[in-house]
Protein backbone atom coordinates (compact mmCIF):
# COMPACT_ATOMS: atom_id res chain seq x y z
CA MET A 1 -21.78 -13.80 1.69
CA LEU A 2 -20.67 -10.46 0.29
CA GLY A 3 -24.28 -9.67 -0.96
CA TRP A 4 -25.29 -10.23 2.43
CA ARG A 5 -22.77 -8.12 4.01
CA GLU A 6 -23.34 -5.37 1.59
CA GLY A 7 -27.10 -5.64 2.39
CA ARG A 8 -26.32 -5.40 6.01
CA ALA A 9 -24.35 -2.44 5.37
CA LEU A 10 -27.05 -0.49 3.82
CA VAL A 11 -28.97 -1.01 7.12
CA PHE A 12 -26.28 -0.13 9.51
CA PHE A 13 -24.41 2.51 7.48
CA PRO A 14 -27.31 4.20 5.40
CA LYS A 15 -25.39 7.60 5.20
CA ILE A 16 -21.97 6.23 4.68
CA LYS A 17 -20.57 5.35 1.04
CA GLY A 18 -17.43 4.42 -0.65
CA ILE A 19 -14.29 3.64 1.57
CA ARG A 20 -15.98 4.44 4.73
CA ARG A 21 -18.84 1.70 4.14
CA ARG A 22 -16.41 -0.86 3.02
CA TRP A 23 -13.97 -0.13 5.81
CA LEU A 24 -16.61 -0.13 8.57
CA LEU A 25 -18.27 -3.15 6.93
CA ASN A 26 -15.11 -5.24 7.06
CA SER A 27 -13.75 -4.17 10.42
CA VAL A 28 -17.15 -3.75 12.40
CA SER A 29 -18.68 -6.83 10.96
CA ILE A 30 -15.78 -8.93 11.81
CA LEU A 31 -15.65 -7.42 15.29
CA VAL A 32 -19.25 -8.05 15.77
CA MET A 33 -18.75 -11.78 14.89
CA ILE A 34 -15.44 -11.79 17.21
CA LEU A 35 -17.38 -10.28 20.13
CA ALA A 36 -20.67 -12.44 19.56
CA VAL A 37 -18.30 -15.54 19.96
CA VAL A 38 -16.58 -14.23 22.94
CA VAL A 39 -19.74 -13.42 24.69
CA VAL A 40 -21.28 -16.84 23.80
CA ALA A 41 -17.96 -18.61 24.86
CA PHE A 42 -17.89 -16.47 28.13
CA SER A 43 -21.51 -17.35 28.75
CA LEU A 44 -20.70 -21.09 28.57
CA PHE A 45 -17.71 -20.82 30.38
CA VAL A 46 -19.59 -19.15 33.47
CA LYS A 47 -22.50 -21.63 33.21
CA ASN A 48 -20.05 -24.53 33.23
CA TYR A 49 -17.88 -23.17 35.92
CA TYR A 50 -20.60 -22.57 38.37
CA SER A 51 -22.49 -26.01 37.48
CA SER A 52 -19.24 -27.88 37.76
CA GLY A 53 -18.52 -26.13 40.94
CA ILE A 54 -21.77 -26.78 42.67
CA LEU A 55 -21.77 -30.59 41.39
CA THR A 56 -18.32 -30.97 42.83
CA ASP A 57 -19.26 -29.50 46.09
CA MET A 58 -22.53 -31.70 46.37
CA GLU A 59 -20.59 -34.65 45.42
CA ASN A 60 -17.88 -33.97 48.22
CA LYS A 61 -20.77 -33.56 50.75
CA ALA A 62 -22.63 -36.67 49.63
CA ARG A 63 -19.31 -38.47 49.90
CA THR A 64 -18.46 -37.22 53.36
CA ALA A 65 -21.83 -38.05 54.53
CA ALA A 66 -21.84 -41.56 53.19
CA ASN A 67 -18.63 -42.22 54.99
CA TYR A 68 -20.12 -41.01 58.11
CA PHE A 69 -23.07 -43.33 57.88
CA SER A 70 -20.79 -46.10 56.78
CA SER A 71 -18.74 -45.71 60.16
CA TYR A 72 -22.17 -45.40 62.03
CA PHE A 73 -23.24 -48.77 60.51
CA ALA A 74 -20.03 -50.36 61.83
CA SER A 75 -20.86 -49.36 65.22
CA TYR A 76 -24.56 -49.68 65.44
CA ASN A 77 -27.50 -51.68 63.90
CA SER A 78 -28.46 -50.63 60.46
CA GLY A 79 -32.18 -50.52 61.44
CA ASP A 80 -31.48 -47.53 63.84
CA TYR A 81 -30.00 -45.48 60.95
CA LEU A 82 -33.26 -43.84 60.37
CA THR A 83 -32.98 -41.99 63.79
CA ALA A 84 -29.52 -41.01 62.75
CA ALA A 85 -30.71 -39.72 59.61
CA GLN A 86 -33.62 -37.82 61.22
CA ASP A 87 -30.99 -36.04 63.35
CA TYR A 88 -28.70 -35.31 60.62
CA VAL A 89 -31.51 -33.73 58.57
CA SER A 90 -32.77 -31.74 61.63
CA SER A 91 -29.16 -30.34 62.14
CA PHE A 92 -28.30 -29.62 58.40
CA GLU A 93 -27.04 -26.26 58.09
CA ASP A 94 -27.08 -25.57 54.42
CA GLY A 95 -30.64 -25.59 54.07
CA THR A 96 -30.82 -22.12 52.41
CA ARG A 97 -29.17 -23.45 49.18
CA LEU A 98 -29.34 -27.26 49.60
CA GLU A 99 -32.24 -29.62 50.24
CA LEU A 100 -30.92 -32.93 52.17
CA GLN A 101 -33.06 -35.91 51.44
CA PHE A 102 -33.19 -39.52 52.90
CA LEU A 103 -34.84 -42.10 50.67
CA ASP A 104 -35.60 -45.72 51.17
CA PRO A 105 -34.00 -48.41 48.69
CA SER A 106 -37.07 -48.13 46.33
CA GLY A 107 -36.37 -44.32 45.90
CA LYS A 108 -39.24 -43.06 48.22
CA VAL A 109 -38.64 -39.81 50.20
CA ILE A 110 -38.68 -40.32 53.95
CA TYR A 111 -37.02 -37.30 55.23
CA SER A 112 -36.41 -33.79 53.79
CA SER A 113 -34.47 -30.81 55.24
CA ASN A 114 -36.79 -28.09 53.97
CA GLY A 115 -40.05 -29.85 54.00
CA LEU A 116 -40.94 -29.01 50.36
CA THR A 117 -40.61 -32.43 49.16
CA LEU A 118 -43.29 -34.61 51.14
CA SER A 119 -42.73 -37.97 52.52
CA GLY A 120 -43.58 -40.81 50.11
CA THR A 121 -42.52 -38.60 47.21
CA MET A 122 -40.69 -40.62 44.47
CA PRO A 123 -38.61 -38.29 42.43
CA GLU A 124 -37.47 -41.13 39.89
CA THR A 125 -34.67 -38.84 38.59
CA GLY A 126 -31.58 -40.17 36.80
CA ASP A 127 -29.21 -40.28 39.79
CA ILE A 128 -31.67 -42.23 41.67
CA LEU A 129 -32.05 -44.77 38.98
CA ASP A 130 -28.21 -44.85 38.31
CA LEU A 131 -27.42 -45.32 42.12
CA GLN A 132 -30.09 -48.40 42.47
CA LYS A 133 -28.10 -49.95 39.46
CA THR A 134 -24.45 -49.15 40.34
CA GLN A 135 -24.52 -48.43 44.07
CA GLU A 136 -22.31 -45.65 43.68
CA ILE A 137 -22.53 -41.71 43.85
CA SER A 138 -24.50 -40.50 41.03
CA PRO A 139 -25.00 -36.86 39.83
CA TRP A 140 -28.08 -35.59 37.63
CA VAL A 141 -28.78 -32.24 36.24
CA GLY A 142 -32.27 -31.67 34.77
CA THR A 143 -35.68 -30.31 35.28
CA SER A 144 -37.74 -31.38 38.23
CA GLU A 145 -41.18 -32.67 37.65
CA GLN A 146 -42.78 -31.49 40.71
CA THR A 147 -41.41 -27.93 40.43
CA GLY A 148 -40.62 -27.55 36.93
CA GLU A 149 -37.39 -25.71 37.29
CA ARG A 150 -33.95 -27.00 36.69
CA ILE A 151 -32.13 -28.69 39.56
CA THR A 152 -28.98 -30.51 40.23
CA ALA A 153 -29.11 -33.68 42.33
CA VAL A 154 -26.33 -35.87 43.73
CA SER A 155 -27.32 -39.34 45.31
CA ALA A 156 -24.97 -41.40 47.64
CA PRO A 157 -25.73 -44.93 48.78
CA LEU A 158 -26.09 -46.23 52.25
CA LEU A 159 -24.61 -49.61 52.31
CA TYR A 160 -24.72 -52.23 55.21
CA ASN A 161 -22.77 -55.35 54.35
CA GLY A 162 -22.90 -54.52 50.63
CA GLU A 163 -26.71 -54.11 50.56
CA LEU A 164 -28.39 -50.87 49.96
CA VAL A 165 -30.47 -49.91 52.87
CA GLY A 166 -31.00 -46.17 51.95
CA ILE A 167 -30.24 -43.19 49.75
CA MET A 168 -28.90 -39.95 50.92
CA ARG A 169 -29.59 -37.12 48.32
CA TYR A 170 -28.58 -33.46 48.03
CA VAL A 171 -30.74 -31.25 45.74
CA THR A 172 -30.41 -27.74 44.94
CA SER A 173 -32.09 -25.24 42.36
CA MET A 174 -30.16 -23.96 39.42
CA ARG A 175 -32.45 -20.72 39.39
CA LEU A 176 -29.91 -18.62 41.20
CA VAL A 177 -27.10 -20.02 39.05
CA GLU A 178 -29.00 -19.20 35.88
CA ARG A 179 -29.79 -15.66 37.20
CA GLN A 180 -26.07 -15.09 37.89
CA VAL A 181 -25.09 -16.44 34.36
CA VAL A 182 -27.67 -14.28 32.80
CA VAL A 183 -26.28 -11.21 34.68
CA LEU A 184 -22.86 -11.83 33.90
CA THR A 185 -23.72 -12.35 30.24
CA LEU A 186 -25.54 -9.05 30.31
CA VAL A 187 -22.33 -7.28 31.75
CA ALA A 188 -20.44 -9.16 28.85
CA VAL A 189 -22.88 -7.88 26.31
CA ILE A 190 -22.73 -4.34 27.67
CA LEU A 191 -18.88 -4.36 27.49
CA ALA A 192 -18.90 -5.92 23.90
CA VAL A 193 -21.50 -3.13 22.78
CA SER A 194 -19.19 -0.55 24.39
CA ILE A 195 -16.05 -1.95 22.70
CA LEU A 196 -18.16 -2.03 19.42
CA ILE A 197 -19.22 1.69 19.79
CA LEU A 198 -15.66 2.66 20.69
CA VAL A 199 -14.23 0.86 17.69
CA TYR A 200 -17.00 2.28 15.55
CA ILE A 201 -16.21 5.77 16.40
CA SER A 202 -12.39 5.49 16.25
CA ASN A 203 -12.67 3.68 12.84
CA ILE A 204 -15.11 6.75 11.62
CA TYR A 205 -12.35 9.08 12.74
CA PHE A 206 -9.55 7.11 11.34
CA VAL A 207 -11.42 6.78 8.07
CA ARG A 208 -12.14 10.30 7.89
CA SER A 209 -8.49 10.96 8.30
CA ILE A 210 -7.97 9.02 5.06
CA VAL A 211 -11.01 9.74 3.16
CA ASP A 212 -10.92 13.55 3.47
CA PRO A 213 -7.35 14.10 2.42
CA VAL A 214 -8.12 11.80 -0.39
CA LYS A 215 -11.31 13.64 -1.59
CA ASN A 216 -9.19 16.73 -1.15
CA ILE A 217 -6.40 15.34 -3.53
CA THR A 218 -9.20 14.04 -5.88
CA GLY A 219 -10.65 17.55 -6.23
CA ILE A 220 -7.22 19.01 -6.86
CA ALA A 221 -6.46 16.18 -9.40
CA GLN A 222 -9.78 17.35 -11.22
CA ARG A 223 -8.69 20.87 -11.21
CA ILE A 224 -5.11 20.06 -12.59
CA ALA A 225 -7.15 17.81 -15.38
CA GLY A 226 -9.16 20.92 -16.02
CA GLY A 227 -6.12 22.94 -16.66
CA SER A 228 -4.97 24.62 -13.43
CA TYR A 229 -1.59 23.23 -13.76
CA GLY A 230 0.86 23.82 -10.85
CA ILE A 231 -1.76 24.12 -8.15
CA GLN A 232 -0.51 22.33 -4.93
CA VAL A 233 -2.22 20.17 -2.24
CA GLU A 234 -1.51 21.12 1.32
CA LYS A 235 0.54 18.26 2.97
CA LYS A 236 -0.91 17.41 6.39
CA PHE A 237 0.27 13.99 6.93
CA ASP A 238 3.86 12.18 6.68
CA ASP A 239 2.70 8.88 5.60
CA GLU A 240 1.22 7.27 2.41
CA VAL A 241 -1.30 9.97 2.12
CA GLY A 242 1.65 12.51 2.48
CA ASP A 243 3.41 10.44 -0.15
CA LEU A 244 0.35 10.55 -2.43
CA THR A 245 0.27 14.35 -1.83
CA ASP A 246 3.78 14.86 -2.71
CA ALA A 247 3.31 12.81 -5.92
CA ILE A 248 0.35 14.99 -7.06
CA ASN A 249 2.19 18.19 -6.28
CA ASP A 250 5.05 16.85 -8.22
CA MET A 251 2.96 15.94 -10.97
CA SER A 252 1.12 19.31 -10.94
CA MET A 253 4.44 21.22 -11.09
CA ARG A 254 5.90 18.72 -13.93
CA ILE A 255 2.65 19.29 -16.13
CA LYS A 256 3.06 22.94 -15.42
CA GLN A 257 6.78 22.98 -16.52
CA ALA A 258 6.05 20.91 -19.43
CA GLU A 259 3.26 23.17 -20.63
CA SER A 260 5.37 26.11 -20.09
CA MET A 261 8.24 24.50 -22.00
CA LYS A 262 5.85 23.42 -24.93
CA SER A 263 4.36 26.80 -25.05
CA GLU A 264 7.98 28.41 -25.15
CA PHE A 265 9.04 25.68 -27.59
CA ILE A 266 6.12 26.48 -30.10
CA SER A 267 7.00 30.24 -29.70
CA SER A 268 10.52 29.68 -30.24
CA VAL A 269 10.04 27.26 -33.19
CA SER A 270 7.65 29.66 -34.74
CA HIS A 271 10.06 32.55 -34.47
CA GLU A 272 13.00 30.23 -35.77
CA LEU A 273 10.80 29.06 -38.85
CA ARG A 274 9.62 32.58 -39.41
CA THR A 275 13.33 33.89 -39.74
CA PRO A 276 14.58 31.63 -42.41
CA LEU A 277 11.19 31.67 -44.28
CA THR A 278 11.50 35.45 -44.44
CA ALA A 279 14.93 35.26 -45.70
CA ILE A 280 14.02 32.54 -48.45
CA THR A 281 10.83 34.37 -49.33
CA GLY A 282 12.59 37.68 -49.48
CA TRP A 283 15.45 36.74 -51.72
CA ALA A 284 13.30 34.62 -53.82
CA GLU A 285 11.10 37.46 -54.70
CA THR A 286 14.06 39.80 -55.07
CA ILE A 287 15.66 37.34 -57.77
CA MET A 288 12.20 36.48 -59.25
CA ASN A 289 11.39 40.22 -59.89
CA GLY A 290 14.83 40.77 -61.24
CA GLU A 291 15.82 43.54 -58.29
CA ALA A 292 19.28 41.94 -57.93
CA ARG A 293 21.84 44.35 -58.93
CA ASP A 294 24.28 41.99 -60.48
CA GLU A 295 24.97 38.24 -60.72
CA LYS A 296 26.79 38.55 -57.36
CA ASP A 297 23.87 39.45 -55.70
CA VAL A 298 22.00 36.56 -57.15
CA ARG A 299 24.65 34.09 -56.10
CA LYS A 300 24.48 35.68 -52.63
CA GLY A 301 20.77 35.31 -52.47
CA MET A 302 20.74 31.59 -53.70
CA ARG A 303 23.51 30.79 -51.01
CA ILE A 304 21.00 32.47 -48.27
CA ILE A 305 18.24 30.59 -49.62
CA VAL A 306 20.13 27.21 -49.64
CA SER A 307 21.34 27.82 -46.11
CA GLU A 308 18.06 28.62 -44.82
CA ALA A 309 16.43 25.83 -46.50
CA ARG A 310 19.08 23.52 -44.80
CA ARG A 311 18.31 25.01 -41.50
CA LEU A 312 14.63 24.58 -42.06
CA SER A 313 15.40 20.86 -42.81
CA GLY A 314 17.41 20.40 -39.81
CA MET A 315 14.60 21.78 -37.75
CA VAL A 316 11.97 19.54 -39.40
CA GLU A 317 14.26 16.48 -38.91
CA GLU A 318 14.39 17.10 -35.25
CA LEU A 319 10.64 17.41 -35.09
CA LEU A 320 10.32 14.12 -36.99
CA GLU A 321 12.73 12.48 -34.63
CA PHE A 322 10.79 13.76 -31.72
CA SER A 323 7.66 12.40 -33.18
CA ARG A 324 9.13 9.05 -33.59
CA ILE A 325 10.19 8.97 -29.93
CA GLU A 326 6.71 10.00 -28.77
CA ASP A 327 4.87 7.22 -30.74
CA GLY A 328 7.52 4.42 -30.17
CA ARG A 329 8.78 4.32 -33.72
CA PHE A 330 12.28 5.49 -32.88
CA THR A 331 14.53 2.55 -33.38
CA LEU A 332 18.08 1.76 -33.64
CA SER A 333 20.08 -0.15 -36.23
CA VAL A 334 22.60 -1.82 -34.21
CA GLU A 335 25.77 -3.33 -35.67
CA PRO A 336 29.47 -3.52 -34.80
CA MET A 337 31.01 -0.20 -35.18
CA ASP A 338 34.19 1.72 -34.95
CA ILE A 339 33.52 4.68 -32.53
CA LYS A 340 36.71 6.38 -33.13
CA ALA A 341 36.07 6.53 -36.88
CA GLU A 342 32.69 7.74 -36.55
CA LEU A 343 33.76 10.59 -34.10
CA GLU A 344 36.69 11.62 -36.46
CA ASP A 345 34.43 11.66 -39.56
CA ALA A 346 31.91 14.07 -37.51
CA VAL A 347 34.79 16.33 -36.52
CA TYR A 348 36.39 16.24 -39.93
CA THR A 349 33.01 17.40 -41.45
CA TYR A 350 32.67 20.22 -39.34
CA HIS A 351 36.33 21.24 -39.26
CA GLU A 352 36.23 22.96 -42.75
CA PHE A 353 32.55 24.47 -42.15
CA LEU A 354 33.57 26.07 -38.63
CA ALA A 355 36.99 27.20 -40.01
CA ALA A 356 34.95 29.36 -42.61
CA GLU A 357 33.38 30.92 -39.46
CA GLY A 358 36.60 31.56 -37.67
CA ILE A 359 36.14 28.66 -35.21
CA ALA A 360 39.08 26.22 -34.88
CA VAL A 361 38.21 22.68 -33.83
CA TYR A 362 40.96 20.60 -31.94
CA HIS A 363 40.63 17.03 -31.69
CA THR A 364 42.48 14.94 -29.27
CA ASP A 365 42.65 11.11 -30.08
CA CYS A 366 43.96 8.30 -27.93
CA GLU A 367 46.59 5.80 -28.82
CA GLU A 368 44.39 2.89 -27.30
CA GLU A 369 42.31 1.28 -29.93
CA PHE A 370 38.76 0.39 -29.08
CA PRO A 371 37.14 -3.04 -29.97
CA PRO A 372 34.09 -2.72 -32.17
CA ILE A 373 31.06 -1.61 -30.11
CA PRO A 374 27.31 -2.56 -30.78
CA GLY A 375 25.69 0.61 -32.06
CA ASP A 376 23.93 2.65 -34.61
CA PRO A 377 26.55 4.60 -36.58
CA ASP A 378 24.16 7.06 -38.09
CA ARG A 379 22.58 7.74 -34.90
CA LEU A 380 25.64 8.36 -32.98
CA ARG A 381 27.13 10.58 -35.65
CA GLN A 382 23.82 12.55 -35.44
CA VAL A 383 24.49 13.17 -31.68
CA PHE A 384 28.19 14.32 -32.54
CA CYS A 385 27.11 16.84 -35.23
CA ASN A 386 24.35 18.07 -32.93
CA LEU A 387 26.87 18.68 -30.03
CA LEU A 388 29.26 20.29 -32.42
CA ASP A 389 26.55 22.37 -33.99
CA ASN A 390 25.47 23.58 -30.46
CA ALA A 391 29.10 24.48 -29.46
CA ALA A 392 29.31 26.52 -32.56
CA LYS A 393 26.18 28.18 -32.12
CA HIS A 394 26.13 29.06 -28.66
CA GLY A 395 29.85 28.81 -27.81
CA GLY A 396 31.39 30.26 -30.86
CA SER A 397 32.35 33.49 -29.34
CA GLY A 398 35.33 31.46 -27.93
CA LYS A 399 36.52 30.73 -31.43
CA ARG A 400 37.41 27.25 -30.31
CA ILE A 401 36.11 23.82 -29.87
CA ASP A 402 37.85 20.96 -28.25
CA THR A 403 36.97 17.13 -28.95
CA ALA A 404 38.47 14.15 -27.46
CA ILE A 405 37.96 10.33 -26.97
CA PHE A 406 39.69 8.26 -24.30
CA PRO A 407 38.97 5.25 -22.09
CA GLU A 408 37.91 5.65 -18.44
CA ASP A 409 36.69 3.01 -15.74
CA GLY A 410 35.79 0.59 -18.44
CA ASP A 411 33.81 3.19 -20.58
CA ILE A 412 34.49 5.18 -23.66
CA VAL A 413 34.37 8.61 -22.83
CA ILE A 414 33.92 11.34 -25.78
CA THR A 415 33.82 15.05 -24.69
CA VAL A 416 32.79 18.20 -26.73
CA ARG A 417 34.07 21.49 -25.18
CA ASP A 418 33.47 25.15 -26.21
CA TYR A 419 34.91 28.36 -24.84
CA GLY A 420 31.74 30.59 -24.96
CA PRO A 421 29.59 31.89 -21.99
CA GLY A 422 28.51 28.52 -20.88
CA ILE A 423 24.94 27.69 -19.59
CA PRO A 424 23.41 29.48 -16.63
CA PRO A 425 23.56 26.97 -13.67
CA GLU A 426 20.00 27.09 -12.97
CA GLU A 427 19.23 26.01 -16.44
CA LEU A 428 21.60 22.92 -16.57
CA PRO A 429 19.30 20.35 -15.01
CA ASN A 430 16.62 21.11 -17.74
CA VAL A 431 18.55 21.52 -20.89
CA LYS A 432 17.83 18.06 -21.81
CA TYR A 433 14.23 18.13 -21.23
CA LYS A 434 11.85 17.97 -24.27
CA PHE A 435 10.56 21.42 -25.32
CA TYR A 436 13.09 23.28 -22.98
CA LYS A 437 14.04 26.63 -24.20
CA GLY A 438 15.95 28.73 -21.65
CA SER A 439 17.91 31.91 -22.09
CA SER A 440 19.80 32.57 -25.30
CA THR A 441 22.75 30.88 -23.89
CA ALA A 442 20.76 27.54 -23.25
CA ARG A 443 21.66 24.74 -25.46
CA GLY A 444 19.63 23.54 -28.39
CA SER A 445 16.13 24.31 -29.90
CA GLY A 446 14.23 22.23 -27.22
CA ILE A 447 14.30 18.88 -29.23
CA GLY A 448 17.77 18.52 -30.30
CA LEU A 449 19.49 17.46 -26.82
CA ALA A 450 16.46 15.54 -25.95
CA VAL A 451 17.02 13.36 -28.96
CA CYS A 452 20.57 13.12 -28.44
CA GLU A 453 19.59 11.86 -24.76
CA GLU A 454 17.27 9.29 -26.27
CA ILE A 455 19.97 8.11 -28.69
CA ILE A 456 22.70 7.65 -25.88
CA SER A 457 20.46 6.07 -23.36
CA ARG A 458 19.28 3.60 -25.87
CA HIS A 459 22.99 2.61 -26.31
CA ASN A 460 23.09 2.04 -22.39
CA GLY A 461 25.25 5.33 -22.15
CA GLU A 462 25.12 8.57 -20.23
CA LEU A 463 24.99 11.92 -21.66
CA ILE A 464 26.38 14.74 -19.17
CA ILE A 465 26.10 18.47 -19.83
CA ALA A 466 28.10 20.82 -17.46
CA ASN A 467 30.07 24.09 -17.44
CA ALA A 468 33.89 23.67 -17.56
CA GLU A 469 35.35 24.31 -14.14
CA ASP A 470 38.72 26.03 -15.18
CA GLU A 471 39.17 29.69 -15.75
CA ALA A 472 38.72 29.42 -19.56
CA GLY A 473 34.86 28.66 -18.93
CA GLY A 474 32.53 27.38 -21.62
CA CYS A 475 30.30 24.43 -21.83
CA LEU A 476 31.65 20.72 -21.46
CA VAL A 477 29.52 17.82 -22.82
CA GLU A 478 30.58 14.33 -21.96
CA ILE A 479 29.39 10.99 -23.62
CA ARG A 480 30.04 7.68 -21.89
CA LEU A 481 29.43 4.55 -23.68
CA PRO A 482 29.94 1.08 -22.37
CA THR A 483 32.59 -0.93 -24.23
CA GLY A 484 29.93 -3.72 -24.75
CA THR A 485 26.20 -3.40 -24.65
């Protein structure tokens, strides 16, 4: 069936392809079938309506005339009915559309109202034969053997004392009726074709209103795939096509932002890698060439080499974490854990280190004891250390970092606050994105906070980064973890 329809589509829509052809094939072909059924049904209805109307009218006339002759027989001798029949025929007024005949009991014509049927003719049609058997009014529709045209005939019995003495018969040609049916059918066909043309034109316009924007969007998508990131599609419709346009535009902007972030990240990482490598190389060559003035310079150089090497290790570890997230190898080792103890260990670890840099760390504990929660202690400690490191690196100018843990609305809330310059408001929504590297006051290297976000989200928690709202300023990071996951 589909193959046939596709083949017909090639005939009706030779220059139309793709969605246009499928749309028109489905809608127009169904409409053609519906209209064809309607036209055929209308034609049959009209034919049946006229035929049944004519037949009913003829039966009524035959019944009335038969009643007249029945009353005539009650008053006069049945043998004199031929004179009355001849008078009835001569005064018949519907001769233009009906022929009135009187026949003898054998079915031979005696009188005819229009003279076309000769006396002595025996029609031998079904109405006459049925009447001779049943002696009741009998209709018949068929083709006349004498004229070869379709006719409708109704015969009524003329009875005297229960004996058939004659037959009165009405005959009409169906030529005018069939012509009228043909005319009305042609009118119906013309209307159906007009409707089909209007629907075809409206469908062409409607499909064009869908296909053209889709083609335009396809072209833009191909340009985006070719590297034209950020290009936008003009939105003309506030519907599903408009939604698709918004989605493509949003995708284009996100790809542009992602590419921009990646480029900035590569540039930033390259710069950050170059700095420690330069320090390590420089001091290593100085020590190796014996250019250090004394043992104090050697130790200073070694401390710098160790510090920069650790810095490089941290950056490489962040890159490895990001790689694991991207290829799906990032996993958690979940076990019951004491969240307060893990936070205190991280704070204690950084306390002495930050004190050496002149930064004080103040931790606020809560009296309430939390039940063990399911989590990965190493991953969560990684988050705490990353946040403390960011607070020291970007908010260390405030010389203070506050940490706290407390319950709130059924969650465990952990906060890390510094008193530095904070984060520019326009950069706040992006600081957790992968590869994002904003101004010098933005947090992280472009990966660390993205990894923290991934770890917290896998614990069914939430990582919120904002600026403190009081006059002291600074950045406030909030971690919300459910008491049970």
